[in-house]
Amino acid sequence: MTTKITGGINIAMKVPPHQYKATIAFYRDVVGLKPFTDKAPAIGFELGPNRLWIDEAPMMSQAEVWLELFTKDFPMAADHFAKADVVRCDAIEPLGEGFRGGWITNPANIIHMLREPDAW
């Protein structure tokens, strides 16, 4: 493989509606993390050098954590993962027309967004 893959800065916590407000309050009021509001109505928090996004996920019954990977060449990285039999799961959440990235899962079924840094 000639493309490099690195960890991204975004961590998404997908939270069911019945836990959403309490989870936001926990990170804001109990932990005391600084809110990140540049992408309102999405709610995120500064988590050291990372961003922790709390996403309301009506289709889920329990919370999940989703991670992000960066690559400078998404098609090459996607091909690398396909050759390694990594499961693509792009239907899990739409990313928009022209987005240079996609969704994969690791062997433990943890979702990862694989994208170019300026994919949006």
PDB file of N, CA and C in Angstrom:
ATOM      1  N   MET A   1       0.857  -1.183   0.000  1.00  0.00           N
ATOM      2  CA  MET A   1       0.000   0.000   0.000  1.00  0.00           C
ATOM      3  C   MET A   1       0.893   1.233   0.000  1.00  0.00           C
ATOM      4  N   THR A   2       0.568   2.201  -0.837  1.00  0.00           N
ATOM      5  CA  THR A   2       1.379   3.412  -0.900  1.00  0.00           C
ATOM      6  C   THR A   2       0.717   4.618  -0.253  1.00  0.00           C
ATOM      7  N   THR A   3      -0.531   4.499   0.143  1.00  0.00           N
ATOM      8  CA  THR A   3      -1.179   5.611   0.839  1.00  0.00           C
ATOM      9  C   THR A   3      -1.090   5.393   2.342  1.00  0.00           C
ATOM     10  N   LYS A   4      -0.884   6.466   3.067  1.00  0.00           N
ATOM     11  CA  LYS A   4      -0.755   6.387   4.527  1.00  0.00           C
ATOM     12  C   LYS A   4      -2.117   6.634   5.175  1.00  0.00           C
ATOM     13  N   ILE A   5      -2.394   5.901   6.230  1.00  0.00           N
ATOM     14  CA  ILE A   5      -3.631   6.078   6.989  1.00  0.00           C
ATOM     15  C   ILE A   5      -3.252   6.498   8.397  1.00  0.00           C
ATOM     16  N   THR A   6      -3.912   7.547   8.895  1.00  0.00           N
ATOM     17  CA  THR A   6      -3.640   8.054  10.240  1.00  0.00           C
ATOM     18  C   THR A   6      -4.949   8.223  10.999  1.00  0.00           C
ATOM     19  N   GLY A   7      -4.841   8.356  12.300  1.00  0.00           N
ATOM     20  CA  GLY A   7      -6.021   8.610  13.121  1.00  0.00           C
ATOM     21  C   GLY A   7      -6.561  10.006  12.866  1.00  0.00           C
ATOM     22  N   GLY A   8      -7.879  10.123  12.853  1.00  0.00           N
ATOM     23  CA  GLY A   8      -8.519  11.424  12.698  1.00  0.00           C
ATOM     24  C   GLY A   8      -8.729  12.088  14.045  1.00  0.00           C
ATOM     25  N   ILE A   9      -9.342  13.261  14.020  1.00  0.00           N
ATOM     26  CA  ILE A   9      -9.558  14.005  15.265  1.00  0.00           C
ATOM     27  C   ILE A   9     -10.962  13.827  15.820  1.00  0.00           C
ATOM     28  N   ASN A  10     -11.863  13.252  15.037  1.00  0.00           N
ATOM     29  CA  ASN A  10     -13.261  13.162  15.444  1.00  0.00           C
ATOM     30  C   ASN A  10     -13.597  11.792  16.016  1.00  0.00           C
ATOM     31  N   ILE A  11     -14.310  11.814  17.135  1.00  0.00           N
ATOM     32  CA  ILE A  11     -14.869  10.620  17.757  1.00  0.00           C
ATOM     33  C   ILE A  11     -16.365  10.885  17.873  1.00  0.00           C
ATOM     34  N   ALA A  12     -17.172  10.005  17.316  1.00  0.00           N
ATOM     35  CA  ALA A  12     -18.621  10.184  17.377  1.00  0.00           C
ATOM     36  C   ALA A  12     -19.223   9.182  18.347  1.00  0.00           C
ATOM     37  N   MET A  13     -20.027   9.679  19.273  1.00  0.00           N
ATOM     38  CA  MET A  13     -20.779   8.817  20.169  1.00  0.00           C
ATOM     39  C   MET A  13     -22.234   8.877  19.709  1.00  0.00           C
ATOM     40  N   LYS A  14     -22.736   7.774  19.186  1.00  0.00           N
ATOM     41  CA  LYS A  14     -24.115   7.675  18.717  1.00  0.00           C
ATOM     42  C   LYS A  14     -24.958   7.234  19.910  1.00  0.00           C
ATOM     43  N   VAL A  15     -25.916   8.086  20.302  1.00  0.00           N
ATOM     44  CA  VAL A  15     -26.654   7.887  21.552  1.00  0.00           C
ATOM     45  C   VAL A  15     -28.152   7.824  21.259  1.00  0.00           C
ATOM     46  N   PRO A  16     -28.874   6.838  21.819  1.00  0.00           N
ATOM     47  CA  PRO A  16     -30.319   6.774  21.627  1.00  0.00           C
ATOM     48  C   PRO A  16     -31.008   7.993  22.250  1.00  0.00           C
ATOM     49  N   PRO A  17     -32.180   8.371  21.715  1.00  0.00           N
ATOM     50  CA  PRO A  17     -32.875   9.573  22.194  1.00  0.00           C
ATOM     51  C   PRO A  17     -33.120   9.605  23.702  1.00  0.00           C
ATOM     52  N   HIS A  18     -33.416   8.457  24.310  1.00  0.00           N
ATOM     53  CA  HIS A  18     -33.731   8.458  25.742  1.00  0.00           C
ATOM     54  C   HIS A  18     -32.501   8.715  26.620  1.00  0.00           C
ATOM     55  N   GLN A  19     -31.305   8.718  26.042  1.00  0.00           N
ATOM     56  CA  GLN A  19     -30.070   8.984  26.792  1.00  0.00           C
ATOM     57  C   GLN A  19     -29.351  10.250  26.321  1.00  0.00           C
ATOM     58  N   TYR A  20     -29.864  10.883  25.278  1.00  0.00           N
ATOM     59  CA  TYR A  20     -29.147  11.971  24.608  1.00  0.00           C
ATOM     60  C   TYR A  20     -28.928  13.191  25.509  1.00  0.00           C
ATOM     61  N   LYS A  21     -29.987  13.752  26.067  1.00  0.00           N
ATOM     62  CA  LYS A  21     -29.853  14.971  26.882  1.00  0.00           C
ATOM     63  C   LYS A  21     -28.980  14.734  28.112  1.00  0.00           C
ATOM     64  N   ALA A  22     -29.137  13.596  28.751  1.00  0.00           N
ATOM     65  CA  ALA A  22     -28.328  13.292  29.934  1.00  0.00           C
ATOM     66  C   ALA A  22     -26.849  13.129  29.567  1.00  0.00           C
ATOM     67  N   THR A  23     -26.589  12.586  28.379  1.00  0.00           N
ATOM     68  CA  THR A  23     -25.202  12.414  27.940  1.00  0.00           C
ATOM     69  C   THR A  23     -24.554  13.763  27.656  1.00  0.00           C
ATOM     70  N   ILE A  24     -25.294  14.659  27.002  1.00  0.00           N
ATOM     71  CA  ILE A  24     -24.794  16.022  26.753  1.00  0.00           C
ATOM     72  C   ILE A  24     -24.491  16.699  28.093  1.00  0.00           C
ATOM     73  N   ALA A  25     -25.433  16.623  29.024  1.00  0.00           N
ATOM     74  CA  ALA A  25     -25.254  17.259  30.335  1.00  0.00           C
ATOM     75  C   ALA A  25     -24.054  16.666  31.076  1.00  0.00           C
ATOM     76  N   PHE A  26     -23.847  15.368  30.947  1.00  0.00           N
ATOM     77  CA  PHE A  26     -22.715  14.728  31.617  1.00  0.00           C
ATOM     78  C   PHE A  26     -21.391  15.342  31.164  1.00  0.00           C
ATOM     79  N   TYR A  27     -21.177  15.417  29.853  1.00  0.00           N
ATOM     80  CA  TYR A  27     -19.900  15.946  29.356  1.00  0.00           C
ATOM     81  C   TYR A  27     -19.767  17.448  29.579  1.00  0.00           C
ATOM     82  N   ARG A  28     -20.876  18.182  29.520  1.00  0.00           N
ATOM     83  CA  ARG A  28     -20.843  19.633  29.710  1.00  0.00           C
ATOM     84  C   ARG A  28     -20.767  20.006  31.186  1.00  0.00           C
ATOM     85  N   ASP A  29     -21.666  19.446  32.009  1.00  0.00           N
ATOM     86  CA  ASP A  29     -21.841  19.900  33.391  1.00  0.00           C
ATOM     87  C   ASP A  29     -21.033  19.106  34.418  1.00  0.00           C
ATOM     88  N   VAL A  30     -20.903  17.814  34.219  1.00  0.00           N
ATOM     89  CA  VAL A  30     -20.208  16.978  35.192  1.00  0.00           C
ATOM     90  C   VAL A  30     -18.711  16.910  34.868  1.00  0.00           C
ATOM     91  N   VAL A  31     -18.385  16.547  33.629  1.00  0.00           N
ATOM     92  CA  VAL A  31     -16.979  16.461  33.234  1.00  0.00           C
ATOM     93  C   VAL A  31     -16.389  17.858  33.033  1.00  0.00           C
ATOM     94  N   GLY A  32     -17.209  18.782  32.523  1.00  0.00           N
ATOM     95  CA  GLY A  32     -16.749  20.154  32.323  1.00  0.00           C
ATOM     96  C   GLY A  32     -16.004  20.392  31.024  1.00  0.00           C
ATOM     97  N   LEU A  33     -16.282  19.578  29.998  1.00  0.00           N
ATOM     98  CA  LEU A  33     -15.626  19.783  28.710  1.00  0.00           C
ATOM     99  C   LEU A  33     -16.186  21.020  28.015  1.00  0.00           C
ATOM    100  N   LYS A  34     -15.334  21.700  27.278  1.00  0.00           N
ATOM    101  CA  LYS A  34     -15.737  22.895  26.536  1.00  0.00           C
ATOM    102  C   LYS A  34     -16.528  22.470  25.296  1.00  0.00           C
ATOM    103  N   PRO A  35     -17.758  23.019  25.129  1.00  0.00           N
ATOM    104  CA  PRO A  35     -18.560  22.671  23.954  1.00  0.00           C
ATOM    105  C   PRO A  35     -17.916  23.170  22.662  1.00  0.00           C
ATOM    106  N   PHE A  36     -18.165  22.451  21.591  1.00  0.00           N
ATOM    107  CA  PHE A  36     -17.707  22.795  20.249  1.00  0.00           C
ATOM    108  C   PHE A  36     -18.967  23.036  19.433  1.00  0.00           C
ATOM    109  N   THR A  37     -19.192  24.267  18.986  1.00  0.00           N
ATOM    110  CA  THR A  37     -20.473  24.624  18.367  1.00  0.00           C
ATOM    111  C   THR A  37     -20.347  25.078  16.916  1.00  0.00           C
ATOM    112  N   ASP A  38     -19.199  24.890  16.292  1.00  0.00           N
ATOM    113  CA  ASP A  38     -19.003  25.350  14.912  1.00  0.00           C
ATOM    114  C   ASP A  38     -19.901  24.651  13.900  1.00  0.00           C
ATOM    115  N   LYS A  39     -20.432  23.506  14.232  1.00  0.00           N
ATOM    116  CA  LYS A  39     -21.265  22.753  13.288  1.00  0.00           C
ATOM    117  C   LYS A  39     -22.670  22.548  13.830  1.00  0.00           C
ATOM    118  N   ALA A  40     -23.203  23.573  14.522  1.00  0.00           N
ATOM    119  CA  ALA A  40     -24.563  23.493  15.071  1.00  0.00           C
ATOM    120  C   ALA A  40     -25.529  23.112  13.953  1.00  0.00           C
ATOM    121  N   PRO A  41     -26.529  22.292  14.250  1.00  0.00           N
ATOM    122  CA  PRO A  41     -27.010  21.905  15.570  1.00  0.00           C
ATOM    123  C   PRO A  41     -26.250  20.729  16.188  1.00  0.00           C
ATOM    124  N   ALA A  42     -25.235  20.190  15.499  1.00  0.00           N
ATOM    125  CA  ALA A  42     -24.438  19.111  16.091  1.00  0.00           C
ATOM    126  C   ALA A  42     -23.752  19.625  17.353  1.00  0.00           C
ATOM    127  N   ILE A  43     -23.680  18.770  18.356  1.00  0.00           N
ATOM    128  CA  ILE A  43     -23.057  19.143  19.626  1.00  0.00           C
ATOM    129  C   ILE A  43     -21.796  18.314  19.814  1.00  0.00           C
ATOM    130  N   GLY A  44     -20.687  19.020  20.038  1.00  0.00           N
ATOM    131  CA  GLY A  44     -19.416  18.354  20.264  1.00  0.00           C
ATOM    132  C   GLY A  44     -18.695  18.979  21.440  1.00  0.00           C
ATOM    133  N   PHE A  45     -17.643  18.321  21.863  1.00  0.00           N
ATOM    134  CA  PHE A  45     -16.842  18.804  22.987  1.00  0.00           C
ATOM    135  C   PHE A  45     -15.369  18.653  22.650  1.00  0.00           C
ATOM    136  N   GLU A  46     -14.560  19.589  23.158  1.00  0.00           N
ATOM    137  CA  GLU A  46     -13.115  19.463  23.026  1.00  0.00           C
ATOM    138  C   GLU A  46     -12.659  18.368  23.980  1.00  0.00           C
ATOM    139  N   LEU A  47     -11.991  17.379  23.449  1.00  0.00           N
ATOM    140  CA  LEU A  47     -11.511  16.236  24.222  1.00  0.00           C
ATOM    141  C   LEU A  47     -10.007  16.129  23.968  1.00  0.00           C
ATOM    142  N   GLY A  48      -9.247  16.975  24.672  1.00  0.00           N
ATOM    143  CA  GLY A  48      -7.819  17.078  24.377  1.00  0.00           C
ATOM    144  C   GLY A  48      -7.659  17.567  22.950  1.00  0.00           C
ATOM    145  N   PRO A  49      -6.833  16.896  22.152  1.00  0.00           N
ATOM    146  CA  PRO A  49      -6.660  17.314  20.763  1.00  0.00           C
ATOM    147  C   PRO A  49      -7.782  16.819  19.845  1.00  0.00           C
ATOM    148  N   ASN A  50      -8.723  16.086  20.388  1.00  0.00           N
ATOM    149  CA  ASN A  50      -9.807  15.499  19.597  1.00  0.00           C
ATOM    150  C   ASN A  50     -11.119  16.237  19.823  1.00  0.00           C
ATOM    151  N   ARG A  51     -12.100  15.868  19.002  1.00  0.00           N
ATOM    152  CA  ARG A  51     -13.466  16.369  19.158  1.00  0.00           C
ATOM    153  C   ARG A  51     -14.376  15.172  19.417  1.00  0.00           C
ATOM    154  N   LEU A  52     -15.129  15.246  20.495  1.00  0.00           N
ATOM    155  CA  LEU A  52     -16.110  14.215  20.828  1.00  0.00           C
ATOM    156  C   LEU A  52     -17.477  14.736  20.424  1.00  0.00           C
ATOM    157  N   TRP A  53     -18.080  14.126  19.428  1.00  0.00           N
ATOM    158  CA  TRP A  53     -19.406  14.517  18.955  1.00  0.00           C
ATOM    159  C   TRP A  53     -20.443  13.599  19.591  1.00  0.00           C
ATOM    160  N   ILE A  54     -21.510  14.191  20.114  1.00  0.00           N
ATOM    161  CA  ILE A  54     -22.616  13.411  20.675  1.00  0.00           C
ATOM    162  C   ILE A  54     -23.762  13.518  19.675  1.00  0.00           C
ATOM    163  N   ASP A  55     -24.056  12.437  18.988  1.00  0.00           N
ATOM    164  CA  ASP A  55     -25.085  12.413  17.953  1.00  0.00           C
ATOM    165  C   ASP A  55     -26.302  11.652  18.448  1.00  0.00           C
ATOM    166  N   GLU A  56     -27.466  12.278  18.343  1.00  0.00           N
ATOM    167  CA  GLU A  56     -28.711  11.579  18.672  1.00  0.00           C
ATOM    168  C   GLU A  56     -28.998  10.577  17.559  1.00  0.00           C
ATOM    169  N   ALA A  57     -29.205   9.324  17.930  1.00  0.00           N
ATOM    170  CA  ALA A  57     -29.367   8.244  16.964  1.00  0.00           C
ATOM    171  C   ALA A  57     -30.650   7.471  17.254  1.00  0.00           C
ATOM    172  N   PRO A  58     -31.779   7.912  16.674  1.00  0.00           N
ATOM    173  CA  PRO A  58     -33.072   7.279  16.955  1.00  0.00           C
ATOM    174  C   PRO A  58     -33.133   5.791  16.617  1.00  0.00           C
ATOM    175  N   MET A  59     -32.278   5.323  15.708  1.00  0.00           N
ATOM    176  CA  MET A  59     -32.327   3.920  15.293  1.00  0.00           C
ATOM    177  C   MET A  59     -31.561   2.987  16.224  1.00  0.00           C
ATOM    178  N   MET A  60     -30.949   3.539  17.280  1.00  0.00           N
ATOM    179  CA  MET A  60     -30.135   2.719  18.175  1.00  0.00           C
ATOM    180  C   MET A  60     -30.780   2.559  19.541  1.00  0.00           C
ATOM    181  N   SER A  61     -30.555   1.389  20.141  1.00  0.00           N
ATOM    182  CA  SER A  61     -31.083   1.136  21.482  1.00  0.00           C
ATOM    183  C   SER A  61     -30.008   1.285  22.549  1.00  0.00           C
ATOM    184  N   GLN A  62     -28.752   1.331  22.137  1.00  0.00           N
ATOM    185  CA  GLN A  62     -27.646   1.561  23.071  1.00  0.00           C
ATOM    186  C   GLN A  62     -26.584   2.388  22.357  1.00  0.00           C
ATOM    187  N   ALA A  63     -25.751   3.055  23.126  1.00  0.00           N
ATOM    188  CA  ALA A  63     -24.735   3.939  22.559  1.00  0.00           C
ATOM    189  C   ALA A  63     -23.620   3.144  21.879  1.00  0.00           C
ATOM    190  N   GLU A  64     -23.032   3.767  20.852  1.00  0.00           N
ATOM    191  CA  GLU A  64     -21.871   3.220  20.155  1.00  0.00           C
ATOM    192  C   GLU A  64     -20.851   4.332  19.984  1.00  0.00           C
ATOM    193  N   VAL A  65     -19.589   3.974  19.900  1.00  0.00           N
ATOM    194  CA  VAL A  65     -18.532   4.929  19.600  1.00  0.00           C
ATOM    195  C   VAL A  65     -18.023   4.636  18.193  1.00  0.00           C
ATOM    196  N   TRP A  66     -17.942   5.692  17.366  1.00  0.00           N
ATOM    197  CA  TRP A  66     -17.443   5.578  16.001  1.00  0.00           C
ATOM    198  C   TRP A  66     -16.152   6.372  15.902  1.00  0.00           C
ATOM    199  N   LEU A  67     -15.177   5.859  15.176  1.00  0.00           N
ATOM    200  CA  LEU A  67     -13.862   6.483  15.059  1.00  0.00           C
ATOM    201  C   LEU A  67     -13.607   6.976  13.634  1.00  0.00           C
ATOM    202  N   GLU A  68     -12.548   7.738  13.481  1.00  0.00           N
ATOM    203  CA  GLU A  68     -12.225   8.340  12.190  1.00  0.00           C
ATOM    204  C   GLU A  68     -10.779   8.039  11.813  1.00  0.00           C
ATOM    205  N   LEU A  69     -10.575   7.720  10.538  1.00  0.00           N
ATOM    206  CA  LEU A  69      -9.243   7.523   9.969  1.00  0.00           C
ATOM    207  C   LEU A  69      -9.070   8.474   8.791  1.00  0.00           C
ATOM    208  N   PHE A  70      -7.868   9.040   8.644  1.00  0.00           N
ATOM    209  CA  PHE A  70      -7.557   9.936   7.527  1.00  0.00           C
ATOM    210  C   PHE A  70      -6.651   9.234   6.523  1.00  0.00           C
ATOM    211  N   THR A  71      -6.812   9.586   5.262  1.00  0.00           N
ATOM    212  CA  THR A  71      -5.925   9.171   4.189  1.00  0.00           C
ATOM    213  C   THR A  71      -5.876  10.289   3.160  1.00  0.00           C
ATOM    214  N   LYS A  72      -4.762  10.436   2.480  1.00  0.00           N
ATOM    215  CA  LYS A  72      -4.660  11.456   1.428  1.00  0.00           C
ATOM    216  C   LYS A  72      -5.279  10.975   0.127  1.00  0.00           C
ATOM    217  N   ASP A  73      -5.496   9.661  -0.004  1.00  0.00           N
ATOM    218  CA  ASP A  73      -6.022   9.081  -1.242  1.00  0.00           C
ATOM    219  C   ASP A  73      -7.084   8.042  -0.886  1.00  0.00           C
ATOM    220  N   PHE A  74      -8.342   8.487  -0.809  1.00  0.00           N
ATOM    221  CA  PHE A  74      -9.407   7.571  -0.395  1.00  0.00           C
ATOM    222  C   PHE A  74      -9.556   6.369  -1.327  1.00  0.00           C
ATOM    223  N   PRO A  75      -9.596   6.549  -2.656  1.00  0.00           N
ATOM    224  CA  PRO A  75      -9.755   5.362  -3.506  1.00  0.00           C
ATOM    225  C   PRO A  75      -8.656   4.312  -3.287  1.00  0.00           C
ATOM    226  N   MET A  76      -7.429   4.754  -3.110  1.00  0.00           N
ATOM    227  CA  MET A  76      -6.335   3.803  -2.886  1.00  0.00           C
ATOM    228  C   MET A  76      -6.487   3.104  -1.530  1.00  0.00           C
ATOM    229  N   ALA A  77      -6.853   3.862  -0.498  1.00  0.00           N
ATOM    230  CA  ALA A  77      -7.054   3.272   0.826  1.00  0.00           C
ATOM    231  C   ALA A  77      -8.240   2.311   0.811  1.00  0.00           C
ATOM    232  N   ALA A  78      -9.321   2.697   0.127  1.00  0.00           N
ATOM    233  CA  ALA A  78     -10.495   1.822   0.040  1.00  0.00           C
ATOM    234  C   ALA A  78     -10.130   0.511  -0.651  1.00  0.00           C
ATOM    235  N   ASP A  79      -9.314   0.597  -1.693  1.00  0.00           N
ATOM    236  CA  ASP A  79      -8.861  -0.604  -2.391  1.00  0.00           C
ATOM    237  C   ASP A  79      -8.013  -1.483  -1.467  1.00  0.00           C
ATOM    238  N   HIS A  80      -7.141  -0.855  -0.695  1.00  0.00           N
ATOM    239  CA  HIS A  80      -6.313  -1.591   0.271  1.00  0.00           C
ATOM    240  C   HIS A  80      -7.191  -2.361   1.262  1.00  0.00           C
ATOM    241  N   PHE A  81      -8.202  -1.684   1.820  1.00  0.00           N
ATOM    242  CA  PHE A  81      -9.085  -2.337   2.783  1.00  0.00           C
ATOM    243  C   PHE A  81      -9.911  -3.437   2.122  1.00  0.00           C
ATOM    244  N   ALA A  82     -10.359  -3.213   0.887  1.00  0.00           N
ATOM    245  CA  ALA A  82     -11.129  -4.237   0.177  1.00  0.00           C
ATOM    246  C   ALA A  82     -10.288  -5.501  -0.017  1.00  0.00           C
ATOM    247  N   LYS A  83      -9.020  -5.327  -0.371  1.00  0.00           N
ATOM    248  CA  LYS A  83      -8.128  -6.484  -0.557  1.00  0.00           C
ATOM    249  C   LYS A  83      -7.875  -7.225   0.754  1.00  0.00           C
ATOM    250  N   ALA A  84      -8.040  -6.523   1.879  1.00  0.00           N
ATOM    251  CA  ALA A  84      -7.879  -7.147   3.201  1.00  0.00           C
ATOM    252  C   ALA A  84      -9.210  -7.670   3.743  1.00  0.00           C
ATOM    253  N   ASP A  85     -10.246  -7.689   2.890  1.00  0.00           N
ATOM    254  CA  ASP A  85     -11.584  -8.173   3.260  1.00  0.00           C
ATOM    255  C   ASP A  85     -12.226  -7.377   4.389  1.00  0.00           C
ATOM    256  N   VAL A  86     -11.911  -6.085   4.468  1.00  0.00           N
ATOM    257  CA  VAL A  86     -12.557  -5.205   5.446  1.00  0.00           C
ATOM    258  C   VAL A  86     -13.948  -4.859   4.920  1.00  0.00           C
ATOM    259  N   VAL A  87     -14.940  -4.931   5.790  1.00  0.00           N
ATOM    260  CA  VAL A  87     -16.331  -4.704   5.408  1.00  0.00           C
ATOM    261  C   VAL A  87     -16.603  -3.215   5.238  1.00  0.00           C
ATOM    262  N   ARG A  88     -17.155  -2.836   4.065  1.00  0.00           N
ATOM    263  CA  ARG A  88     -17.638  -1.471   3.835  1.00  0.00           C
ATOM    264  C   ARG A  88     -19.087  -1.425   4.314  1.00  0.00           C
ATOM    265  N   CYS A  89     -19.460  -0.327   4.932  1.00  0.00           N
ATOM    266  CA  CYS A  89     -20.838  -0.196   5.430  1.00  0.00           C
ATOM    267  C   CYS A  89     -21.356   1.221   5.176  1.00  0.00           C
ATOM    268  N   ASP A  90     -21.255   1.678   3.931  1.00  0.00           N
ATOM    269  CA  ASP A  90     -21.625   3.048   3.582  1.00  0.00           C
ATOM    270  C   ASP A  90     -23.099   3.362   3.821  1.00  0.00           C
ATOM    271  N   ALA A  91     -23.949   2.360   3.869  1.00  0.00           N
ATOM    272  CA  ALA A  91     -25.374   2.612   4.090  1.00  0.00           C
ATOM    273  C   ALA A  91     -25.681   3.026   5.528  1.00  0.00           C
ATOM    274  N   ILE A  92     -24.725   2.901   6.437  1.00  0.00           N
ATOM    275  CA  ILE A  92     -24.991   3.173   7.849  1.00  0.00           C
ATOM    276  C   ILE A  92     -25.355   4.631   8.110  1.00  0.00           C
ATOM    277  N   GLU A  93     -24.751   5.551   7.347  1.00  0.00           N
ATOM    278  CA  GLU A  93     -25.063   6.979   7.490  1.00  0.00           C
ATOM    279  C   GLU A  93     -24.629   7.692   6.214  1.00  0.00           C
ATOM    280  N   PRO A  94     -25.562   8.391   5.541  1.00  0.00           N
ATOM    281  CA  PRO A  94     -25.204   9.092   4.301  1.00  0.00           C
ATOM    282  C   PRO A  94     -24.137  10.164   4.549  1.00  0.00           C
ATOM    283  N   LEU A  95     -23.192  10.271   3.613  1.00  0.00           N
ATOM    284  CA  LEU A  95     -22.116  11.253   3.735  1.00  0.00           C
ATOM    285  C   LEU A  95     -22.237  12.392   2.728  1.00  0.00           C
ATOM    286  N   GLY A  96     -23.130  12.291   1.808  1.00  0.00           N
ATOM    287  CA  GLY A  96     -23.353  13.376   0.858  1.00  0.00           C
ATOM    288  C   GLY A  96     -22.646  13.157  -0.470  1.00  0.00           C
ATOM    289  N   GLU A  97     -23.220  13.746  -1.490  1.00  0.00           N
ATOM    290  CA  GLU A  97     -22.698  13.646  -2.848  1.00  0.00           C
ATOM    291  C   GLU A  97     -21.290  14.238  -2.927  1.00  0.00           C
ATOM    292  N   GLY A  98     -20.381  13.523  -3.533  1.00  0.00           N
ATOM    293  CA  GLY A  98     -19.030  14.022  -3.730  1.00  0.00           C
ATOM    294  C   GLY A  98     -18.105  13.890  -2.531  1.00  0.00           C
ATOM    295  N   PHE A  99     -18.596  13.337  -1.429  1.00  0.00           N
ATOM    296  CA  PHE A  99     -17.761  13.155  -0.236  1.00  0.00           C
ATOM    297  C   PHE A  99     -16.652  12.163  -0.554  1.00  0.00           C
ATOM    298  N   ARG A 100     -15.434  12.493  -0.209  1.00  0.00           N
ATOM    299  CA  ARG A 100     -14.287  11.638  -0.491  1.00  0.00           C
ATOM    300  C   ARG A 100     -13.958  10.790   0.735  1.00  0.00           C
ATOM    301  N   GLY A 101     -14.802   9.790   0.948  1.00  0.00           N
ATOM    302  CA  GLY A 101     -14.631   8.913   2.085  1.00  0.00           C
ATOM    303  C   GLY A 101     -15.745   7.894   2.142  1.00  0.00           C
ATOM    304  N   GLY A 102     -15.712   7.067   3.170  1.00  0.00           N
ATOM    305  CA  GLY A 102     -16.738   6.062   3.346  1.00  0.00           C
ATOM    306  C   GLY A 102     -16.638   5.444   4.730  1.00  0.00           C
ATOM    307  N   TRP A 103     -17.504   4.480   4.966  1.00  0.00           N
ATOM    308  CA  TRP A 103     -17.577   3.809   6.261  1.00  0.00           C
ATOM    309  C   TRP A 103     -17.050   2.387   6.139  1.00  0.00           C
ATOM    310  N   ILE A 104     -16.272   1.959   7.156  1.00  0.00           N
ATOM    311  CA  ILE A 104     -15.801   0.575   7.257  1.00  0.00           C
ATOM    312  C   ILE A 104     -16.024   0.106   8.694  1.00  0.00           C
ATOM    313  N   THR A 105     -15.922  -1.210   8.894  1.00  0.00           N
ATOM    314  CA  THR A 105     -15.964  -1.746  10.256  1.00  0.00           C
ATOM    315  C   THR A 105     -14.699  -2.557  10.507  1.00  0.00           C
ATOM    316  N   ASN A 106     -14.286  -2.565  11.770  1.00  0.00           N
ATOM    317  CA  ASN A 106     -13.162  -3.431  12.132  1.00  0.00           C
ATOM    318  C   ASN A 106     -13.720  -4.815  12.485  1.00  0.00           C
ATOM    319  N   PRO A 107     -12.881  -5.808  12.788  1.00  0.00           N
ATOM    320  CA  PRO A 107     -13.395  -7.147  13.103  1.00  0.00           C
ATOM    321  C   PRO A 107     -14.338  -7.197  14.304  1.00  0.00           C
ATOM    322  N   ALA A 108     -14.280  -6.195  15.188  1.00  0.00           N
ATOM    323  CA  ALA A 108     -15.183  -6.151  16.340  1.00  0.00           C
ATOM    324  C   ALA A 108     -16.432  -5.318  16.049  1.00  0.00           C
ATOM    325  N   ASN A 109     -16.657  -4.978  14.782  1.00  0.00           N
ATOM    326  CA  ASN A 109     -17.817  -4.201  14.329  1.00  0.00           C
ATOM    327  C   ASN A 109     -17.847  -2.772  14.855  1.00  0.00           C
ATOM    328  N   ILE A 110     -16.679  -2.175  15.102  1.00  0.00           N
ATOM    329  CA  ILE A 110     -16.612  -0.757  15.437  1.00  0.00           C
ATOM    330  C   ILE A 110     -16.563   0.012  14.123  1.00  0.00           C
ATOM    331  N   ILE A 111     -17.441   0.989  13.984  1.00  0.00           N
ATOM    332  CA  ILE A 111     -17.538   1.782  12.760  1.00  0.00           C
ATOM    333  C   ILE A 111     -16.385   2.779  12.698  1.00  0.00           C
ATOM    334  N   HIS A 112     -15.804   2.912  11.514  1.00  0.00           N
ATOM    335  CA  HIS A 112     -14.749   3.892  11.252  1.00  0.00           C
ATOM    336  C   HIS A 112     -15.108   4.680   9.993  1.00  0.00           C
ATOM    337  N   MET A 113     -15.031   5.997  10.074  1.00  0.00           N
ATOM    338  CA  MET A 113     -15.109   6.804   8.865  1.00  0.00           C
ATOM    339  C   MET A 113     -13.687   6.882   8.310  1.00  0.00           C
ATOM    340  N   LEU A 114     -13.512   6.477   7.068  1.00  0.00           N
ATOM    341  CA  LEU A 114     -12.238   6.590   6.365  1.00  0.00           C
ATOM    342  C   LEU A 114     -12.416   7.697   5.345  1.00  0.00           C
ATOM    343  N   ARG A 115     -11.615   8.780   5.474  1.00  0.00           N
ATOM    344  CA  ARG A 115     -11.836   9.917   4.579  1.00  0.00           C
ATOM    345  C   ARG A 115     -10.562  10.700   4.350  1.00  0.00           C
ATOM    346  N   GLU A 116     -10.600  11.507   3.306  1.00  0.00           N
ATOM    347  CA  GLU A 116      -9.541  12.477   3.076  1.00  0.00           C
ATOM    348  C   GLU A 116      -9.766  13.639   4.040  1.00  0.00           C
ATOM    349  N   PRO A 117      -8.696  14.275   4.540  1.00  0.00           N
ATOM    350  CA  PRO A 117      -8.864  15.342   5.540  1.00  0.00           C
ATOM    351  C   PRO A 117      -9.806  16.466   5.115  1.00  0.00           C
ATOM    352  N   ASP A 118      -9.839  16.781   3.831  1.00  0.00           N
ATOM    353  CA  ASP A 118     -10.726  17.849   3.345  1.00  0.00           C
ATOM    354  C   ASP A 118     -11.907  17.276   2.560  1.00  0.00           C
ATOM    355  N   ALA A 119     -12.421  16.146   3.015  1.00  0.00           N
ATOM    356  CA  ALA A 119     -13.468  15.416   2.289  1.00  0.00           C
ATOM    357  C   ALA A 119     -14.759  16.199   2.119  1.00  0.00           C
ATOM    358  N   TRP A 120     -15.047  17.102   3.059  1.00  0.00           N
ATOM    359  CA  TRP A 120     -16.277  17.867   2.956  1.00  0.00           C
ATOM    360  C   TRP A 120     -16.053  19.025   2.029  1.00  0.00           C
TER     361      TRP A 120
END
